[in-house]
Amino acid sequence: MTQRTPATTADAAAAAETPSFEVAIKRLTEIVQVLERGELPLEESLRLFEEGVKLSRVSQQKLDTAERRVEQLLAVDEQGRPRTAAFATDSADEGETDR
């Protein structure tokens, strides 16, 4: 079993500010709809675009984490037996940085 280091205060604050996948996708959809209308001034459009990029990265990171977990759960060895291994929980994965 792997050991995790205790979360720092900064890590805990970042995790608290990170929206769930569903919330991030909903907000991203709203941003796209507003930007597609093209009625905002340039600076406001840029601010929303930047927010959208951040949400997109958060969402992709959450999808990547979910995919790794599914792959671990479905993994089998050479004899076709299920592999068992510990994997990181959501709280550990949320502290990862962009690749």
PDB file of N, CA and C in Angstrom:
ATOM      1  N   MET A   1       0.828  -1.176   0.000  1.00  0.00           N
ATOM      2  CA  MET A   1       0.000   0.000   0.000  1.00  0.00           C
ATOM      3  C   MET A   1       0.876   1.245   0.000  1.00  0.00           C
ATOM      4  N   THR A   2       0.446   2.277  -0.728  1.00  0.00           N
ATOM      5  CA  THR A   2       1.236   3.496  -0.789  1.00  0.00           C
ATOM      6  C   THR A   2       0.808   4.438   0.314  1.00  0.00           C
ATOM      7  N   GLN A   3       1.765   5.256   0.720  1.00  0.00           N
ATOM      8  CA  GLN A   3       1.468   6.241   1.745  1.00  0.00           C
ATOM      9  C   GLN A   3       1.284   7.584   1.076  1.00  0.00           C
ATOM     10  N   ARG A   4       0.324   8.336   1.568  1.00  0.00           N
ATOM     11  CA  ARG A   4       0.102   9.680   1.056  1.00  0.00           C
ATOM     12  C   ARG A   4       0.610  10.670   2.069  1.00  0.00           C
ATOM     13  N   THR A   5       1.158  11.770   1.564  1.00  0.00           N
ATOM     14  CA  THR A   5       1.586  12.824   2.459  1.00  0.00           C
ATOM     15  C   THR A   5       0.368  13.636   2.857  1.00  0.00           C
ATOM     16  N   PRO A   6       0.388  14.193   4.052  1.00  0.00           N
ATOM     17  CA  PRO A   6      -0.762  14.993   4.474  1.00  0.00           C
ATOM     18  C   PRO A   6      -0.940  16.203   3.558  1.00  0.00           C
ATOM     19  N   ALA A   7      -2.182  16.559   3.305  1.00  0.00           N
ATOM     20  CA  ALA A   7      -2.482  17.702   2.450  1.00  0.00           C
ATOM     21  C   ALA A   7      -2.082  18.981   3.163  1.00  0.00           C
ATOM     22  N   THR A   8      -1.491  19.903   2.412  1.00  0.00           N
ATOM     23  CA  THR A   8      -1.143  21.189   2.978  1.00  0.00           C
ATOM     24  C   THR A   8      -2.375  22.074   2.988  1.00  0.00           C
ATOM     25  N   THR A   9      -2.284  23.183   3.661  1.00  0.00           N
ATOM     26  CA  THR A   9      -3.399  24.127   3.689  1.00  0.00           C
ATOM     27  C   THR A   9      -3.712  24.632   2.291  1.00  0.00           C
ATOM     28  N   ALA A  10      -2.678  24.873   1.483  1.00  0.00           N
ATOM     29  CA  ALA A  10      -2.890  25.336   0.112  1.00  0.00           C
ATOM     30  C   ALA A  10      -3.589  24.268  -0.715  1.00  0.00           C
ATOM     31  N   ASP A  11      -3.189  22.992  -0.542  1.00  0.00           N
ATOM     32  CA  ASP A  11      -3.840  21.899  -1.260  1.00  0.00           C
ATOM     33  C   ASP A  11      -5.308  21.804  -0.875  1.00  0.00           C
ATOM     34  N   ALA A  12      -5.597  21.927   0.404  1.00  0.00           N
ATOM     35  CA  ALA A  12      -6.976  21.849   0.876  1.00  0.00           C
ATOM     36  C   ALA A  12      -7.805  23.007   0.317  1.00  0.00           C
ATOM     37  N   ALA A  13      -7.219  24.191   0.266  1.00  0.00           N
ATOM     38  CA  ALA A  13      -7.935  25.348  -0.271  1.00  0.00           C
ATOM     39  C   ALA A  13      -8.208  25.163  -1.759  1.00  0.00           C
ATOM     40  N   ALA A  14      -7.224  24.646  -2.495  1.00  0.00           N
ATOM     41  CA  ALA A  14      -7.402  24.421  -3.934  1.00  0.00           C
ATOM     42  C   ALA A  14      -8.478  23.375  -4.179  1.00  0.00           C
ATOM     43  N   ALA A  15      -8.502  22.315  -3.374  1.00  0.00           N
ATOM     44  CA  ALA A  15      -9.507  21.269  -3.533  1.00  0.00           C
ATOM     45  C   ALA A  15     -10.902  21.824  -3.247  1.00  0.00           C
ATOM     46  N   ALA A  16     -11.006  22.706  -2.270  1.00  0.00           N
ATOM     47  CA  ALA A  16     -12.303  23.290  -1.930  1.00  0.00           C
ATOM     48  C   ALA A  16     -12.803  24.194  -3.048  1.00  0.00           C
ATOM     49  N   GLU A  17     -11.894  24.839  -3.788  1.00  0.00           N
ATOM     50  CA  GLU A  17     -12.277  25.744  -4.867  1.00  0.00           C
ATOM     51  C   GLU A  17     -12.546  25.010  -6.177  1.00  0.00           C
ATOM     52  N   THR A  18     -12.096  23.772  -6.306  1.00  0.00           N
ATOM     53  CA  THR A  18     -12.270  23.017  -7.534  1.00  0.00           C
ATOM     54  C   THR A  18     -13.701  22.519  -7.632  1.00  0.00           C
ATOM     55  N   PRO A  19     -14.396  22.909  -8.704  1.00  0.00           N
ATOM     56  CA  PRO A  19     -15.792  22.477  -8.834  1.00  0.00           C
ATOM     57  C   PRO A  19     -15.880  20.996  -9.215  1.00  0.00           C
ATOM     58  N   SER A  20     -17.016  20.402  -8.939  1.00  0.00           N
ATOM     59  CA  SER A  20     -17.243  19.025  -9.374  1.00  0.00           C
ATOM     60  C   SER A  20     -17.276  19.004 -10.899  1.00  0.00           C
ATOM     61  N   PHE A  21     -17.149  17.815 -11.463  1.00  0.00           N
ATOM     62  CA  PHE A  21     -17.188  17.671 -12.918  1.00  0.00           C
ATOM     63  C   PHE A  21     -18.486  18.241 -13.478  1.00  0.00           C
ATOM     64  N   GLU A  22     -19.590  17.887 -12.861  1.00  0.00           N
ATOM     65  CA  GLU A  22     -20.898  18.326 -13.352  1.00  0.00           C
ATOM     66  C   GLU A  22     -21.046  19.846 -13.288  1.00  0.00           C
ATOM     67  N   VAL A  23     -20.584  20.448 -12.201  1.00  0.00           N
ATOM     68  CA  VAL A  23     -20.662  21.903 -12.060  1.00  0.00           C
ATOM     69  C   VAL A  23     -19.771  22.579 -13.093  1.00  0.00           C
ATOM     70  N   ALA A  24     -18.570  22.036 -13.294  1.00  0.00           N
ATOM     71  CA  ALA A  24     -17.640  22.614 -14.266  1.00  0.00           C
ATOM     72  C   ALA A  24     -18.209  22.551 -15.678  1.00  0.00           C
ATOM     73  N   ILE A  25     -18.790  21.422 -16.051  1.00  0.00           N
ATOM     74  CA  ILE A  25     -19.359  21.275 -17.393  1.00  0.00           C
ATOM     75  C   ILE A  25     -20.555  22.203 -17.591  1.00  0.00           C
ATOM     76  N   LYS A  26     -21.389  22.331 -16.557  1.00  0.00           N
ATOM     77  CA  LYS A  26     -22.548  23.224 -16.656  1.00  0.00           C
ATOM     78  C   LYS A  26     -22.091  24.668 -16.864  1.00  0.00           C
ATOM     79  N   ARG A  27     -21.113  25.093 -16.081  1.00  0.00           N
ATOM     80  CA  ARG A  27     -20.610  26.468 -16.209  1.00  0.00           C
ATOM     81  C   ARG A  27     -19.928  26.659 -17.564  1.00  0.00           C
ATOM     82  N   LEU A  28     -19.182  25.670 -18.013  1.00  0.00           N
ATOM     83  CA  LEU A  28     -18.518  25.755 -19.310  1.00  0.00           C
ATOM     84  C   LEU A  28     -19.538  25.906 -20.438  1.00  0.00           C
ATOM     85  N   THR A  29     -20.631  25.185 -20.343  1.00  0.00           N
ATOM     86  CA  THR A  29     -21.707  25.295 -21.333  1.00  0.00           C
ATOM     87  C   THR A  29     -22.296  26.704 -21.341  1.00  0.00           C
ATOM     88  N   GLU A  30     -22.502  27.260 -20.153  1.00  0.00           N
ATOM     89  CA  GLU A  30     -23.027  28.620 -20.052  1.00  0.00           C
ATOM     90  C   GLU A  30     -22.075  29.619 -20.704  1.00  0.00           C
ATOM     91  N   ILE A  31     -20.780  29.453 -20.446  1.00  0.00           N
ATOM     92  CA  ILE A  31     -19.784  30.367 -21.014  1.00  0.00           C
ATOM     93  C   ILE A  31     -19.793  30.291 -22.531  1.00  0.00           C
ATOM     94  N   VAL A  32     -19.842  29.089 -23.069  1.00  0.00           N
ATOM     95  CA  VAL A  32     -19.856  28.908 -24.520  1.00  0.00           C
ATOM     96  C   VAL A  32     -21.071  29.610 -25.124  1.00  0.00           C
ATOM     97  N   GLN A  33     -22.227  29.447 -24.502  1.00  0.00           N
ATOM     98  CA  GLN A  33     -23.442  30.073 -25.028  1.00  0.00           C
ATOM     99  C   GLN A  33     -23.329  31.595 -25.032  1.00  0.00           C
ATOM    100  N   VAL A  34     -22.775  32.151 -23.958  1.00  0.00           N
ATOM    101  CA  VAL A  34     -22.621  33.607 -23.880  1.00  0.00           C
ATOM    102  C   VAL A  34     -21.625  34.090 -24.930  1.00  0.00           C
ATOM    103  N   LEU A  35     -20.498  33.391 -25.059  1.00  0.00           N
ATOM    104  CA  LEU A  35     -19.488  33.805 -26.030  1.00  0.00           C
ATOM    105  C   LEU A  35     -19.982  33.673 -27.467  1.00  0.00           C
ATOM    106  N   GLU A  36     -20.785  32.657 -27.727  1.00  0.00           N
ATOM    107  CA  GLU A  36     -21.314  32.471 -29.093  1.00  0.00           C
ATOM    108  C   GLU A  36     -22.241  33.595 -29.512  1.00  0.00           C
ATOM    109  N   ARG A  37     -22.909  34.234 -28.555  1.00  0.00           N
ATOM    110  CA  ARG A  37     -23.781  35.370 -28.888  1.00  0.00           C
ATOM    111  C   ARG A  37     -22.961  36.559 -29.385  1.00  0.00           C
ATOM    112  N   GLY A  38     -21.724  36.686 -28.917  1.00  0.00           N
ATOM    113  CA  GLY A  38     -20.832  37.751 -29.384  1.00  0.00           C
ATOM    114  C   GLY A  38     -21.230  39.151 -28.978  1.00  0.00           C
ATOM    115  N   GLU A  39     -21.949  39.292 -27.881  1.00  0.00           N
ATOM    116  CA  GLU A  39     -22.454  40.608 -27.465  1.00  0.00           C
ATOM    117  C   GLU A  39     -21.601  41.274 -26.394  1.00  0.00           C
ATOM    118  N   LEU A  40     -20.568  40.605 -25.915  1.00  0.00           N
ATOM    119  CA  LEU A  40     -19.756  41.137 -24.820  1.00  0.00           C
ATOM    120  C   LEU A  40     -18.582  41.956 -25.333  1.00  0.00           C
ATOM    121  N   PRO A  41     -18.131  42.907 -24.531  1.00  0.00           N
ATOM    122  CA  PRO A  41     -16.898  43.618 -24.883  1.00  0.00           C
ATOM    123  C   PRO A  41     -15.712  42.637 -24.859  1.00  0.00           C
ATOM    124  N   LEU A  42     -14.663  43.016 -25.532  1.00  0.00           N
ATOM    125  CA  LEU A  42     -13.497  42.149 -25.672  1.00  0.00           C
ATOM    126  C   LEU A  42     -12.943  41.683 -24.327  1.00  0.00           C
ATOM    127  N   GLU A  43     -12.765  42.584 -23.390  1.00  0.00           N
ATOM    128  CA  GLU A  43     -12.174  42.211 -22.096  1.00  0.00           C
ATOM    129  C   GLU A  43     -13.029  41.195 -21.348  1.00  0.00           C
ATOM    130  N   GLU A  44     -14.336  41.375 -21.376  1.00  0.00           N
ATOM    131  CA  GLU A  44     -15.237  40.426 -20.716  1.00  0.00           C
ATOM    132  C   GLU A  44     -15.206  39.073 -21.433  1.00  0.00           C
ATOM    133  N   SER A  45     -15.142  39.104 -22.750  1.00  0.00           N
ATOM    134  CA  SER A  45     -15.035  37.861 -23.521  1.00  0.00           C
ATOM    135  C   SER A  45     -13.751  37.121 -23.170  1.00  0.00           C
ATOM    136  N   LEU A  46     -12.660  37.833 -23.063  1.00  0.00           N
ATOM    137  CA  LEU A  46     -11.378  37.212 -22.696  1.00  0.00           C
ATOM    138  C   LEU A  46     -11.424  36.621 -21.290  1.00  0.00           C
ATOM    139  N   ARG A  47     -12.068  37.334 -20.368  1.00  0.00           N
ATOM    140  CA  ARG A  47     -12.183  36.829 -19.000  1.00  0.00           C
ATOM    141  C   ARG A  47     -12.987  35.532 -18.985  1.00  0.00           C
ATOM    142  N   LEU A  48     -14.088  35.506 -19.699  1.00  0.00           N
ATOM    143  CA  LEU A  48     -14.903  34.294 -19.764  1.00  0.00           C
ATOM    144  C   LEU A  48     -14.168  33.159 -20.471  1.00  0.00           C
ATOM    145  N   PHE A  49     -13.433  33.499 -21.526  1.00  0.00           N
ATOM    146  CA  PHE A  49     -12.667  32.477 -22.243  1.00  0.00           C
ATOM    147  C   PHE A  49     -11.628  31.859 -21.312  1.00  0.00           C
ATOM    148  N   GLU A  50     -10.945  32.683 -20.547  1.00  0.00           N
ATOM    149  CA  GLU A  50      -9.946  32.185 -19.592  1.00  0.00           C
ATOM    150  C   GLU A  50     -10.599  31.270 -18.551  1.00  0.00           C
ATOM    151  N   GLU A  51     -11.739  31.684 -18.036  1.00  0.00           N
ATOM    152  CA  GLU A  51     -12.473  30.840 -17.084  1.00  0.00           C
ATOM    153  C   GLU A  51     -12.847  29.505 -17.733  1.00  0.00           C
ATOM    154  N   GLY A  52     -13.288  29.570 -18.989  1.00  0.00           N
ATOM    155  CA  GLY A  52     -13.658  28.356 -19.710  1.00  0.00           C
ATOM    156  C   GLY A  52     -12.483  27.407 -19.902  1.00  0.00           C
ATOM    157  N   VAL A  53     -11.327  27.944 -20.215  1.00  0.00           N
ATOM    158  CA  VAL A  53     -10.132  27.105 -20.386  1.00  0.00           C
ATOM    159  C   VAL A  53      -9.791  26.411 -19.068  1.00  0.00           C
ATOM    160  N   LYS A  54      -9.849  27.133 -17.973  1.00  0.00           N
ATOM    161  CA  LYS A  54      -9.573  26.531 -16.663  1.00  0.00           C
ATOM    162  C   LYS A  54     -10.571  25.418 -16.346  1.00  0.00           C
ATOM    163  N   LEU A  55     -11.844  25.676 -16.607  1.00  0.00           N
ATOM    164  CA  LEU A  55     -12.872  24.664 -16.356  1.00  0.00           C
ATOM    165  C   LEU A  55     -12.677  23.447 -17.249  1.00  0.00           C
ATOM    166  N   SER A  56     -12.278  23.682 -18.481  1.00  0.00           N
ATOM    167  CA  SER A  56     -12.017  22.590 -19.409  1.00  0.00           C
ATOM    168  C   SER A  56     -10.875  21.710 -18.897  1.00  0.00           C
ATOM    169  N   ARG A  57      -9.834  22.332 -18.387  1.00  0.00           N
ATOM    170  CA  ARG A  57      -8.692  21.575 -17.849  1.00  0.00           C
ATOM    171  C   ARG A  57      -9.088  20.776 -16.613  1.00  0.00           C
ATOM    172  N   VAL A  58      -9.867  21.396 -15.733  1.00  0.00           N
ATOM    173  CA  VAL A  58     -10.337  20.695 -14.533  1.00  0.00           C
ATOM    174  C   VAL A  58     -11.183  19.492 -14.936  1.00  0.00           C
ATOM    175  N   SER A  59     -12.078  19.696 -15.890  1.00  0.00           N
ATOM    176  CA  SER A  59     -12.960  18.615 -16.340  1.00  0.00           C
ATOM    177  C   SER A  59     -12.154  17.485 -16.969  1.00  0.00           C
ATOM    178  N   GLN A  60     -11.183  17.829 -17.800  1.00  0.00           N
ATOM    179  CA  GLN A  60     -10.368  16.803 -18.445  1.00  0.00           C
ATOM    180  C   GLN A  60      -9.553  16.020 -17.417  1.00  0.00           C
ATOM    181  N   GLN A  61      -9.045  16.712 -16.411  1.00  0.00           N
ATOM    182  CA  GLN A  61      -8.288  16.037 -15.352  1.00  0.00           C
ATOM    183  C   GLN A  61      -9.188  15.047 -14.602  1.00  0.00           C
ATOM    184  N   LYS A  62     -10.418  15.456 -14.326  1.00  0.00           N
ATOM    185  CA  LYS A  62     -11.341  14.561 -13.637  1.00  0.00           C
ATOM    186  C   LYS A  62     -11.696  13.355 -14.506  1.00  0.00           C
ATOM    187  N   LEU A  63     -11.871  13.575 -15.810  1.00  0.00           N
ATOM    188  CA  LEU A  63     -12.140  12.463 -16.719  1.00  0.00           C
ATOM    189  C   LEU A  63     -10.947  11.512 -16.789  1.00  0.00           C
ATOM    190  N   ASP A  64      -9.744  12.065 -16.854  1.00  0.00           N
ATOM    191  CA  ASP A  64      -8.533  11.228 -16.885  1.00  0.00           C
ATOM    192  C   ASP A  64      -8.418  10.385 -15.625  1.00  0.00           C
ATOM    193  N   THR A  65      -8.719  10.976 -14.482  1.00  0.00           N
ATOM    194  CA  THR A  65      -8.675  10.253 -13.207  1.00  0.00           C
ATOM    195  C   THR A  65      -9.700   9.125 -13.201  1.00  0.00           C
ATOM    196  N   ALA A  66     -10.902   9.426 -13.657  1.00  0.00           N
ATOM    197  CA  ALA A  66     -11.950   8.397 -13.712  1.00  0.00           C
ATOM    198  C   ALA A  66     -11.550   7.266 -14.653  1.00  0.00           C
ATOM    199  N   GLU A  67     -10.966   7.607 -15.787  1.00  0.00           N
ATOM    200  CA  GLU A  67     -10.528   6.586 -16.736  1.00  0.00           C
ATOM    201  C   GLU A  67      -9.465   5.675 -16.128  1.00  0.00           C
ATOM    202  N   ARG A  68      -8.501   6.264 -15.408  1.00  0.00           N
ATOM    203  CA  ARG A  68      -7.465   5.450 -14.752  1.00  0.00           C
ATOM    204  C   ARG A  68      -8.083   4.514 -13.719  1.00  0.00           C
ATOM    205  N   ARG A  69      -9.050   5.005 -12.974  1.00  0.00           N
ATOM    206  CA  ARG A  69      -9.702   4.165 -11.967  1.00  0.00           C
ATOM    207  C   ARG A  69     -10.453   3.009 -12.616  1.00  0.00           C
ATOM    208  N   VAL A  70     -11.169   3.278 -13.705  1.00  0.00           N
ATOM    209  CA  VAL A  70     -11.903   2.222 -14.413  1.00  0.00           C
ATOM    210  C   VAL A  70     -10.917   1.193 -14.964  1.00  0.00           C
ATOM    211  N   GLU A  71      -9.825   1.672 -15.551  1.00  0.00           N
ATOM    212  CA  GLU A  71      -8.823   0.748 -16.079  1.00  0.00           C
ATOM    213  C   GLU A  71      -8.269  -0.153 -14.977  1.00  0.00           C
ATOM    214  N   GLN A  72      -8.021   0.408 -13.806  1.00  0.00           N
ATOM    215  CA  GLN A  72      -7.532  -0.400 -12.689  1.00  0.00           C
ATOM    216  C   GLN A  72      -8.579  -1.413 -12.254  1.00  0.00           C
ATOM    217  N   LEU A  73      -9.822  -0.999 -12.212  1.00  0.00           N
ATOM    218  CA  LEU A  73     -10.887  -1.899 -11.769  1.00  0.00           C
ATOM    219  C   LEU A  73     -11.135  -3.032 -12.751  1.00  0.00           C
ATOM    220  N   LEU A  74     -10.904  -2.792 -14.032  1.00  0.00           N
ATOM    221  CA  LEU A  74     -11.156  -3.793 -15.056  1.00  0.00           C
ATOM    222  C   LEU A  74      -9.917  -4.596 -15.443  1.00  0.00           C
ATOM    223  N   ALA A  75      -8.772  -4.271 -14.867  1.00  0.00           N
ATOM    224  CA  ALA A  75      -7.517  -4.918 -15.245  1.00  0.00           C
ATOM    225  C   ALA A  75      -7.517  -6.398 -14.870  1.00  0.00           C
ATOM    226  N   VAL A  76      -6.920  -7.196 -15.765  1.00  0.00           N
ATOM    227  CA  VAL A  76      -6.738  -8.626 -15.504  1.00  0.00           C
ATOM    228  C   VAL A  76      -5.279  -8.986 -15.771  1.00  0.00           C
ATOM    229  N   ASP A  77      -4.795 -10.038 -15.114  1.00  0.00           N
ATOM    230  CA  ASP A  77      -3.424 -10.489 -15.337  1.00  0.00           C
ATOM    231  C   ASP A  77      -3.366 -11.447 -16.517  1.00  0.00           C
ATOM    232  N   GLU A  78      -2.196 -12.061 -16.740  1.00  0.00           N
ATOM    233  CA  GLU A  78      -1.997 -12.947 -17.893  1.00  0.00           C
ATOM    234  C   GLU A  78      -2.921 -14.161 -17.868  1.00  0.00           C
ATOM    235  N   GLN A  79      -3.360 -14.575 -16.695  1.00  0.00           N
ATOM    236  CA  GLN A  79      -4.256 -15.721 -16.571  1.00  0.00           C
ATOM    237  C   GLN A  79      -5.732 -15.317 -16.597  1.00  0.00           C
ATOM    238  N   GLY A  80      -6.001 -14.055 -16.813  1.00  0.00           N
ATOM    239  CA  GLY A  80      -7.376 -13.593 -16.870  1.00  0.00           C
ATOM    240  C   GLY A  80      -8.012 -13.319 -15.517  1.00  0.00           C
ATOM    241  N   ARG A  81      -7.191 -13.354 -14.466  1.00  0.00           N
ATOM    242  CA  ARG A  81      -7.718 -13.068 -13.121  1.00  0.00           C
ATOM    243  C   ARG A  81      -7.706 -11.561 -12.884  1.00  0.00           C
ATOM    244  N   PRO A  82      -8.690 -11.068 -12.171  1.00  0.00           N
ATOM    245  CA  PRO A  82      -8.714  -9.631 -11.868  1.00  0.00           C
ATOM    246  C   PRO A  82      -7.477  -9.228 -11.068  1.00  0.00           C
ATOM    247  N   ARG A  83      -6.888  -8.113 -11.443  1.00  0.00           N
ATOM    248  CA  ARG A  83      -5.769  -7.562 -10.676  1.00  0.00           C
ATOM    249  C   ARG A  83      -6.341  -6.721  -9.552  1.00  0.00           C
ATOM    250  N   THR A  84      -5.661  -6.752  -8.450  1.00  0.00           N
ATOM    251  CA  THR A  84      -6.057  -5.901  -7.335  1.00  0.00           C
ATOM    252  C   THR A  84      -4.881  -5.016  -6.977  1.00  0.00           C
ATOM    253  N   ALA A  85      -5.162  -3.758  -6.826  1.00  0.00           N
ATOM    254  CA  ALA A  85      -4.136  -2.792  -6.453  1.00  0.00           C
ATOM    255  C   ALA A  85      -4.815  -1.586  -5.833  1.00  0.00           C
ATOM    256  N   ALA A  86      -4.123  -0.970  -4.920  1.00  0.00           N
ATOM    257  CA  ALA A  86      -4.648   0.243  -4.305  1.00  0.00           C
ATOM    258  C   ALA A  86      -4.562   1.371  -5.319  1.00  0.00           C
ATOM    259  N   PHE A  87      -5.518   2.263  -5.316  1.00  0.00           N
ATOM    260  CA  PHE A  87      -5.446   3.424  -6.178  1.00  0.00           C
ATOM    261  C   PHE A  87      -5.811   4.657  -5.375  1.00  0.00           C
ATOM    262  N   ALA A  88      -5.355   5.804  -5.875  1.00  0.00           N
ATOM    263  CA  ALA A  88      -5.553   7.066  -5.172  1.00  0.00           C
ATOM    264  C   ALA A  88      -7.026   7.434  -5.139  1.00  0.00           C
ATOM    265  N   THR A  89      -7.431   8.069  -4.070  1.00  0.00           N
ATOM    266  CA  THR A  89      -8.807   8.544  -3.954  1.00  0.00           C
ATOM    267  C   THR A  89      -8.930   9.905  -4.610  1.00  0.00           C
ATOM    268  N   ASP A  90     -10.154  10.390  -4.733  1.00  0.00           N
ATOM    269  CA  ASP A  90     -10.398  11.690  -5.352  1.00  0.00           C
ATOM    270  C   ASP A  90      -9.596  12.795  -4.683  1.00  0.00           C
ATOM    271  N   SER A  91      -9.506  12.773  -3.364  1.00  0.00           N
ATOM    272  CA  SER A  91      -8.839  13.858  -2.663  1.00  0.00           C
ATOM    273  C   SER A  91      -7.368  13.938  -3.025  1.00  0.00           C
ATOM    274  N   ALA A  92      -6.727  12.817  -3.289  1.00  0.00           N
ATOM    275  CA  ALA A  92      -5.320  12.830  -3.678  1.00  0.00           C
ATOM    276  C   ALA A  92      -5.174  13.294  -5.127  1.00  0.00           C
ATOM    277  N   ASP A  93      -6.096  12.890  -6.004  1.00  0.00           N
ATOM    278  CA  ASP A  93      -6.006  13.236  -7.421  1.00  0.00           C
ATOM    279  C   ASP A  93      -6.279  14.709  -7.671  1.00  0.00           C
ATOM    280  N   GLU A  94      -7.090  15.325  -6.856  1.00  0.00           N
ATOM    281  CA  GLU A  94      -7.424  16.720  -7.077  1.00  0.00           C
ATOM    282  C   GLU A  94      -6.234  17.633  -6.849  1.00  0.00           C
ATOM    283  N   GLY A  95      -5.231  17.171  -6.133  1.00  0.00           N
ATOM    284  CA  GLY A  95      -4.049  17.980  -5.895  1.00  0.00           C
ATOM    285  C   GLY A  95      -3.044  17.910  -7.013  1.00  0.00           C
ATOM    286  N   GLU A  96      -3.302  17.086  -8.056  1.00  0.00           N
ATOM    287  CA  GLU A  96      -2.361  16.975  -9.169  1.00  0.00           C
ATOM    288  C   GLU A  96      -2.340  18.249  -9.977  1.00  0.00           C
ATOM    289  N   THR A  97      -1.214  18.461 -10.660  1.00  0.00           N
ATOM    290  CA  THR A  97      -1.103  19.636 -11.509  1.00  0.00           C
ATOM    291  C   THR A  97      -1.218  19.235 -12.951  1.00  0.00           C
ATOM    292  N   ASP A  98      -1.365  20.223 -13.830  1.00  0.00           N
ATOM    293  CA  ASP A  98      -1.465  19.947 -15.265  1.00  0.00           C
ATOM    294  C   ASP A  98      -0.188  19.318 -15.762  1.00  0.00           C
ATOM    295  N   ARG A  99      -0.356  18.473 -16.783  1.00  0.00           N
ATOM    296  CA  ARG A  99       0.811  17.804 -17.362  1.00  0.00           C
ATOM    297  C   ARG A  99       1.468  18.649 -18.391  1.00  0.00           C
TER     298      ARG A  99
END
